[in-house]
Amino acid sequence: MGGGLVGAEAAVGFHHEGKECTIVEMKPAIVEDVNSFYRGGLMPEVEKATACYVNTKVKAVVPEGVLCEKDGEDLLLEADTVVCALGLKAPYEKVDALAELVDECYIIGDCGKVGKIYDAMNTGYYAAVRV
């Protein structure tokens, strides 16, 4: 579930391990938010490795696999294993509540903006330098 960078790269990796993969993505394209240079190299590998269902919403994970909705119709994708690679959302309310409890705080990583590990390491480093 999830056709962003993590889901697409995972599918390619699982394919190399001999597994059959299917990507289910709500958006109209797989790895839509990746720079075009990297996407250009990744998409041929994704197309070889997996079946892709775009514009498809996951409704539930059921014992038989994943129940989806595409074009207003229910669709059951049979699976024995389901990987959740859905997007994340920064927990702004929790961060704000905790920040109010202290005199000084530094918001780093996904607490400030969901991103890549590089972003978390970078903001963590500069917060540590300020302390």
N, C-alpha and C. Protein backbone atom coordinates (compact mmCIF):
# COMPACT_ATOMS: atom_id res chain seq x y z
N MET A 1 0.86 -1.17 0.00
CA MET A 1 0.00 0.00 0.00
C MET A 1 0.90 1.22 0.00
N GLY A 2 0.77 2.05 -1.02
CA GLY A 2 1.57 3.26 -1.11
C GLY A 2 2.56 3.19 -2.26
N GLY A 3 2.43 4.13 -3.19
CA GLY A 3 3.31 4.15 -4.35
C GLY A 3 4.26 5.32 -4.36
N GLY A 4 4.62 5.80 -3.17
CA GLY A 4 5.65 6.83 -3.10
C GLY A 4 7.02 6.18 -3.23
N LEU A 5 8.05 6.92 -2.91
CA LEU A 5 9.41 6.43 -3.06
C LEU A 5 9.66 5.16 -2.24
N VAL A 6 9.22 5.14 -0.99
CA VAL A 6 9.45 3.98 -0.13
C VAL A 6 8.74 2.75 -0.68
N GLY A 7 7.48 2.89 -1.06
CA GLY A 7 6.73 1.75 -1.58
C GLY A 7 7.31 1.23 -2.89
N ALA A 8 7.69 2.13 -3.78
CA ALA A 8 8.24 1.72 -5.08
C ALA A 8 9.59 1.03 -4.91
N GLU A 9 10.47 1.60 -4.10
CA GLU A 9 11.77 0.98 -3.89
C GLU A 9 11.62 -0.37 -3.19
N ALA A 10 10.69 -0.46 -2.25
CA ALA A 10 10.45 -1.74 -1.56
C ALA A 10 9.98 -2.79 -2.55
N ALA A 11 9.07 -2.43 -3.44
CA ALA A 11 8.56 -3.38 -4.42
C ALA A 11 9.68 -3.89 -5.32
N VAL A 12 10.57 -3.01 -5.75
CA VAL A 12 11.70 -3.43 -6.58
C VAL A 12 12.60 -4.38 -5.79
N GLY A 13 12.86 -4.04 -4.53
CA GLY A 13 13.69 -4.90 -3.68
C GLY A 13 13.05 -6.26 -3.46
N PHE A 14 11.76 -6.30 -3.19
CA PHE A 14 11.06 -7.58 -2.99
C PHE A 14 11.07 -8.41 -4.27
N HIS A 15 10.93 -7.74 -5.40
CA HIS A 15 10.98 -8.44 -6.69
C HIS A 15 12.33 -9.13 -6.88
N HIS A 16 13.40 -8.43 -6.51
CA HIS A 16 14.74 -9.02 -6.63
C HIS A 16 14.91 -10.23 -5.71
N GLU A 17 14.09 -10.30 -4.67
CA GLU A 17 14.10 -11.45 -3.76
C GLU A 17 13.17 -12.56 -4.25
N GLY A 18 12.55 -12.37 -5.42
CA GLY A 18 11.70 -13.40 -6.00
C GLY A 18 10.23 -13.31 -5.63
N LYS A 19 9.80 -12.21 -5.07
CA LYS A 19 8.41 -12.07 -4.66
C LYS A 19 7.60 -11.34 -5.73
N GLU A 20 6.31 -11.69 -5.84
CA GLU A 20 5.39 -10.97 -6.71
C GLU A 20 4.86 -9.77 -5.94
N CYS A 21 4.82 -8.61 -6.58
CA CYS A 21 4.40 -7.39 -5.88
C CYS A 21 3.33 -6.64 -6.66
N THR A 22 2.51 -5.94 -5.90
CA THR A 22 1.50 -5.05 -6.45
C THR A 22 1.55 -3.76 -5.64
N ILE A 23 1.56 -2.63 -6.33
CA ILE A 23 1.53 -1.33 -5.66
C ILE A 23 0.12 -0.75 -5.82
N VAL A 24 -0.44 -0.27 -4.72
CA VAL A 24 -1.73 0.41 -4.74
C VAL A 24 -1.49 1.85 -4.33
N GLU A 25 -1.83 2.79 -5.20
CA GLU A 25 -1.57 4.21 -4.97
C GLU A 25 -2.82 5.03 -5.25
N MET A 26 -3.17 5.93 -4.32
CA MET A 26 -4.34 6.81 -4.50
C MET A 26 -4.12 7.86 -5.59
N LYS A 27 -2.89 8.33 -5.71
CA LYS A 27 -2.59 9.39 -6.68
C LYS A 27 -2.56 8.81 -8.10
N PRO A 28 -2.53 9.68 -9.12
CA PRO A 28 -2.55 9.20 -10.50
C PRO A 28 -1.23 8.65 -11.02
N ALA A 29 -0.16 8.72 -10.21
CA ALA A 29 1.14 8.23 -10.68
C ALA A 29 1.94 7.66 -9.52
N ILE A 30 2.80 6.72 -9.83
CA ILE A 30 3.73 6.14 -8.86
C ILE A 30 4.92 7.09 -8.73
N VAL A 31 5.50 7.19 -7.57
CA VAL A 31 6.64 8.07 -7.21
C VAL A 31 6.52 9.45 -7.85
N GLU A 32 5.37 10.02 -7.68
CA GLU A 32 5.06 11.32 -8.26
C GLU A 32 5.89 12.45 -7.66
N ASP A 33 6.27 12.34 -6.39
CA ASP A 33 6.95 13.43 -5.70
C ASP A 33 8.48 13.32 -5.70
N VAL A 34 9.03 12.52 -6.61
CA VAL A 34 10.47 12.33 -6.69
C VAL A 34 11.00 13.14 -7.86
N ASN A 35 12.24 13.63 -7.74
CA ASN A 35 12.78 14.42 -8.85
C ASN A 35 12.82 13.59 -10.13
N SER A 36 12.66 14.24 -11.25
CA SER A 36 12.48 13.55 -12.53
C SER A 36 13.69 12.72 -12.93
N PHE A 37 14.88 13.12 -12.55
CA PHE A 37 16.08 12.35 -12.90
C PHE A 37 16.04 10.98 -12.23
N TYR A 38 15.79 10.97 -10.92
CA TYR A 38 15.75 9.70 -10.19
C TYR A 38 14.54 8.88 -10.63
N ARG A 39 13.40 9.54 -10.80
CA ARG A 39 12.18 8.84 -11.22
C ARG A 39 12.38 8.17 -12.57
N GLY A 40 13.10 8.84 -13.46
CA GLY A 40 13.36 8.28 -14.79
C GLY A 40 14.12 6.97 -14.74
N GLY A 41 15.00 6.83 -13.76
CA GLY A 41 15.72 5.57 -13.61
C GLY A 41 14.94 4.53 -12.83
N LEU A 42 14.13 4.97 -11.90
CA LEU A 42 13.39 4.06 -11.03
C LEU A 42 12.18 3.44 -11.73
N MET A 43 11.45 4.21 -12.50
CA MET A 43 10.19 3.72 -13.07
C MET A 43 10.34 2.49 -13.98
N PRO A 44 11.37 2.40 -14.81
CA PRO A 44 11.52 1.16 -15.59
C PRO A 44 11.69 -0.07 -14.69
N GLU A 45 12.37 0.10 -13.56
CA GLU A 45 12.53 -1.01 -12.62
C GLU A 45 11.20 -1.35 -11.94
N VAL A 46 10.44 -0.32 -11.60
CA VAL A 46 9.12 -0.54 -10.99
C VAL A 46 8.22 -1.28 -11.96
N GLU A 47 8.22 -0.86 -13.22
CA GLU A 47 7.36 -1.48 -14.23
C GLU A 47 7.71 -2.94 -14.47
N LYS A 48 8.99 -3.30 -14.34
CA LYS A 48 9.41 -4.70 -14.47
C LYS A 48 9.04 -5.51 -13.23
N ALA A 49 9.02 -4.85 -12.07
CA ALA A 49 8.92 -5.55 -10.80
C ALA A 49 7.51 -5.75 -10.29
N THR A 50 6.56 -4.94 -10.71
CA THR A 50 5.28 -4.93 -10.02
C THR A 50 4.11 -4.54 -10.90
N ALA A 51 2.93 -4.97 -10.49
CA ALA A 51 1.69 -4.46 -11.08
C ALA A 51 1.34 -3.19 -10.31
N CYS A 52 0.91 -2.16 -11.00
CA CYS A 52 0.61 -0.89 -10.35
C CYS A 52 -0.86 -0.53 -10.54
N TYR A 53 -1.51 -0.20 -9.44
CA TYR A 53 -2.89 0.27 -9.45
C TYR A 53 -2.87 1.72 -8.96
N VAL A 54 -3.03 2.67 -9.88
CA VAL A 54 -3.09 4.08 -9.51
C VAL A 54 -4.55 4.51 -9.45
N ASN A 55 -4.79 5.68 -8.87
CA ASN A 55 -6.17 6.16 -8.67
C ASN A 55 -7.01 5.09 -7.97
N THR A 56 -6.38 4.40 -7.03
CA THR A 56 -7.01 3.29 -6.32
C THR A 56 -6.88 3.52 -4.83
N LYS A 57 -8.00 3.42 -4.13
CA LYS A 57 -8.04 3.68 -2.69
C LYS A 57 -8.10 2.36 -1.92
N VAL A 58 -7.26 2.22 -0.90
CA VAL A 58 -7.32 1.06 -0.02
C VAL A 58 -8.48 1.27 0.95
N LYS A 59 -9.38 0.31 1.01
CA LYS A 59 -10.50 0.38 1.94
C LYS A 59 -10.23 -0.43 3.21
N ALA A 60 -9.60 -1.60 3.06
CA ALA A 60 -9.34 -2.46 4.22
C ALA A 60 -8.34 -3.55 3.86
N VAL A 61 -7.62 -3.98 4.88
CA VAL A 61 -6.80 -5.17 4.75
C VAL A 61 -7.65 -6.31 5.32
N VAL A 62 -7.88 -7.32 4.50
CA VAL A 62 -8.74 -8.44 4.87
C VAL A 62 -7.92 -9.73 4.81
N PRO A 63 -8.42 -10.82 5.38
CA PRO A 63 -7.63 -12.06 5.37
C PRO A 63 -7.17 -12.50 3.98
N GLU A 64 -7.95 -12.19 2.95
CA GLU A 64 -7.60 -12.60 1.58
C GLU A 64 -6.59 -11.67 0.91
N GLY A 65 -6.42 -10.47 1.44
CA GLY A 65 -5.52 -9.50 0.82
C GLY A 65 -5.92 -8.07 1.13
N VAL A 66 -6.04 -7.25 0.09
CA VAL A 66 -6.36 -5.83 0.27
C VAL A 66 -7.62 -5.51 -0.53
N LEU A 67 -8.62 -4.98 0.17
CA LEU A 67 -9.85 -4.55 -0.48
C LEU A 67 -9.68 -3.10 -0.89
N CYS A 68 -9.86 -2.83 -2.18
CA CYS A 68 -9.63 -1.49 -2.73
C CYS A 68 -10.89 -1.00 -3.43
N GLU A 69 -10.86 0.28 -3.78
CA GLU A 69 -11.90 0.88 -4.60
C GLU A 69 -11.22 1.60 -5.77
N LYS A 70 -11.64 1.24 -6.97
CA LYS A 70 -11.12 1.88 -8.18
C LYS A 70 -12.29 2.17 -9.10
N ASP A 71 -12.40 3.41 -9.52
CA ASP A 71 -13.49 3.84 -10.41
C ASP A 71 -14.86 3.50 -9.82
N GLY A 72 -15.00 3.64 -8.51
CA GLY A 72 -16.28 3.39 -7.85
C GLY A 72 -16.62 1.93 -7.63
N GLU A 73 -15.75 1.03 -8.04
CA GLU A 73 -15.98 -0.41 -7.92
C GLU A 73 -15.02 -1.00 -6.88
N ASP A 74 -15.51 -1.98 -6.12
CA ASP A 74 -14.64 -2.69 -5.18
C ASP A 74 -13.75 -3.66 -5.95
N LEU A 75 -12.54 -3.79 -5.46
CA LEU A 75 -11.53 -4.64 -6.09
C LEU A 75 -10.77 -5.34 -4.98
N LEU A 76 -10.68 -6.67 -5.03
CA LEU A 76 -9.91 -7.40 -4.03
C LEU A 76 -8.60 -7.84 -4.67
N LEU A 77 -7.50 -7.37 -4.11
CA LEU A 77 -6.17 -7.79 -4.56
C LEU A 77 -5.68 -8.85 -3.58
N GLU A 78 -5.59 -10.08 -4.04
CA GLU A 78 -5.18 -11.17 -3.17
C GLU A 78 -3.72 -11.00 -2.79
N ALA A 79 -3.43 -11.28 -1.50
CA ALA A 79 -2.06 -11.13 -1.00
C ALA A 79 -1.89 -11.98 0.25
N ASP A 80 -0.69 -12.51 0.42
CA ASP A 80 -0.39 -13.21 1.67
C ASP A 80 0.42 -12.33 2.62
N THR A 81 0.94 -11.23 2.08
CA THR A 81 1.70 -10.27 2.89
C THR A 81 1.34 -8.87 2.40
N VAL A 82 1.16 -7.92 3.33
CA VAL A 82 0.85 -6.54 2.98
C VAL A 82 1.87 -5.63 3.64
N VAL A 83 2.45 -4.74 2.85
CA VAL A 83 3.41 -3.77 3.37
C VAL A 83 2.75 -2.40 3.32
N CYS A 84 2.79 -1.70 4.45
CA CYS A 84 2.20 -0.37 4.53
C CYS A 84 3.31 0.67 4.34
N ALA A 85 3.27 1.36 3.20
CA ALA A 85 4.23 2.42 2.91
C ALA A 85 3.46 3.69 2.59
N LEU A 86 2.49 3.99 3.45
CA LEU A 86 1.66 5.17 3.26
C LEU A 86 2.36 6.40 3.80
N GLY A 87 1.95 7.54 3.33
CA GLY A 87 2.57 8.79 3.76
C GLY A 87 2.38 9.07 5.24
N LEU A 88 3.19 9.96 5.73
CA LEU A 88 3.15 10.34 7.14
C LEU A 88 2.72 11.79 7.27
N LYS A 89 2.29 12.13 8.45
CA LYS A 89 1.88 13.50 8.74
C LYS A 89 2.56 13.92 10.03
N ALA A 90 3.15 15.10 10.04
CA ALA A 90 3.82 15.60 11.24
C ALA A 90 2.78 15.81 12.35
N PRO A 91 3.12 15.42 13.58
CA PRO A 91 2.16 15.53 14.71
C PRO A 91 2.19 16.92 15.34
N TYR A 92 1.78 17.95 14.59
CA TYR A 92 1.91 19.33 15.03
C TYR A 92 1.27 19.60 16.40
N GLU A 93 0.08 19.06 16.62
CA GLU A 93 -0.63 19.34 17.89
C GLU A 93 0.17 18.81 19.07
N LYS A 94 0.68 17.60 18.97
CA LYS A 94 1.46 17.01 20.07
C LYS A 94 2.76 17.77 20.28
N VAL A 95 3.41 18.16 19.20
CA VAL A 95 4.66 18.90 19.30
C VAL A 95 4.41 20.25 19.97
N ASP A 96 3.37 20.95 19.56
CA ASP A 96 3.05 22.24 20.16
C ASP A 96 2.75 22.09 21.65
N ALA A 97 2.01 21.06 22.03
CA ALA A 97 1.66 20.85 23.44
C ALA A 97 2.92 20.59 24.27
N LEU A 98 3.83 19.81 23.75
CA LEU A 98 5.08 19.54 24.48
C LEU A 98 5.96 20.78 24.54
N ALA A 99 6.01 21.53 23.45
CA ALA A 99 6.85 22.73 23.41
C ALA A 99 6.42 23.76 24.44
N GLU A 100 5.13 23.81 24.75
CA GLU A 100 4.63 24.76 25.74
C GLU A 100 5.07 24.42 27.17
N LEU A 101 5.55 23.21 27.39
CA LEU A 101 5.94 22.76 28.73
C LEU A 101 7.36 23.13 29.12
N VAL A 102 8.14 23.62 28.16
CA VAL A 102 9.55 23.91 28.42
C VAL A 102 9.90 25.33 27.98
N ASP A 103 11.02 25.82 28.49
CA ASP A 103 11.46 27.17 28.13
C ASP A 103 12.11 27.21 26.75
N GLU A 104 12.77 26.14 26.39
CA GLU A 104 13.49 26.12 25.11
C GLU A 104 13.28 24.76 24.46
N CYS A 105 13.01 24.75 23.17
CA CYS A 105 12.87 23.48 22.46
C CYS A 105 13.31 23.65 21.01
N TYR A 106 13.65 22.54 20.39
CA TYR A 106 14.04 22.52 18.99
C TYR A 106 13.24 21.42 18.31
N ILE A 107 12.52 21.76 17.31
CA ILE A 107 11.68 20.80 16.60
C ILE A 107 12.47 20.30 15.40
N ILE A 108 12.72 18.99 15.38
CA ILE A 108 13.56 18.42 14.34
C ILE A 108 12.86 17.23 13.69
N GLY A 109 13.42 16.79 12.58
CA GLY A 109 12.94 15.59 11.91
C GLY A 109 11.48 15.69 11.49
N ASP A 110 10.80 14.55 11.55
CA ASP A 110 9.41 14.48 11.11
C ASP A 110 8.46 15.27 11.99
N CYS A 111 8.89 15.68 13.17
CA CYS A 111 8.02 16.49 14.03
C CYS A 111 7.81 17.88 13.44
N GLY A 112 8.75 18.36 12.65
CA GLY A 112 8.60 19.66 12.02
C GLY A 112 8.02 19.57 10.63
N LYS A 113 8.54 18.62 9.85
CA LYS A 113 8.08 18.40 8.48
C LYS A 113 8.50 16.99 8.09
N VAL A 114 7.56 16.20 7.66
CA VAL A 114 7.87 14.84 7.25
C VAL A 114 8.80 14.90 6.05
N GLY A 115 9.89 14.15 6.12
CA GLY A 115 10.85 14.18 5.04
C GLY A 115 11.71 12.93 5.01
N LYS A 116 12.87 13.08 4.47
CA LYS A 116 13.81 11.98 4.33
C LYS A 116 14.74 11.95 5.54
N ILE A 117 15.47 10.85 5.70
CA ILE A 117 16.38 10.70 6.84
C ILE A 117 17.44 11.80 6.81
N TYR A 118 17.85 12.22 5.62
CA TYR A 118 18.83 13.30 5.52
C TYR A 118 18.30 14.56 6.20
N ASP A 119 17.04 14.88 5.96
CA ASP A 119 16.45 16.08 6.55
C ASP A 119 16.43 15.98 8.08
N ALA A 120 16.08 14.81 8.60
CA ALA A 120 16.04 14.61 10.05
C ALA A 120 17.44 14.75 10.64
N MET A 121 18.42 14.15 10.00
CA MET A 121 19.81 14.24 10.49
C MET A 121 20.31 15.69 10.43
N ASN A 122 19.99 16.38 9.37
CA ASN A 122 20.43 17.75 9.18
C ASN A 122 19.82 18.68 10.24
N THR A 123 18.51 18.60 10.45
CA THR A 123 17.88 19.46 11.45
C THR A 123 18.35 19.08 12.85
N GLY A 124 18.58 17.79 13.10
CA GLY A 124 19.10 17.35 14.39
C GLY A 124 20.49 17.90 14.65
N TYR A 125 21.33 17.86 13.64
CA TYR A 125 22.70 18.36 13.76
C TYR A 125 22.70 19.86 14.10
N TYR A 126 21.92 20.63 13.35
CA TYR A 126 21.92 22.08 13.59
C TYR A 126 21.26 22.44 14.91
N ALA A 127 20.31 21.65 15.37
CA ALA A 127 19.73 21.88 16.70
C ALA A 127 20.78 21.61 17.76
N ALA A 128 21.57 20.56 17.59
CA ALA A 128 22.62 20.24 18.56
C ALA A 128 23.69 21.33 18.58
N VAL A 129 24.02 21.88 17.44
CA VAL A 129 25.01 22.97 17.36
C VAL A 129 24.51 24.19 18.13
N ARG A 130 23.22 24.49 18.04
CA ARG A 130 22.66 25.64 18.75
C ARG A 130 22.68 25.45 20.25
N VAL A 131 22.60 24.22 20.72
CA VAL A 131 22.60 23.95 22.17
C VAL A 131 24.02 24.12 22.63
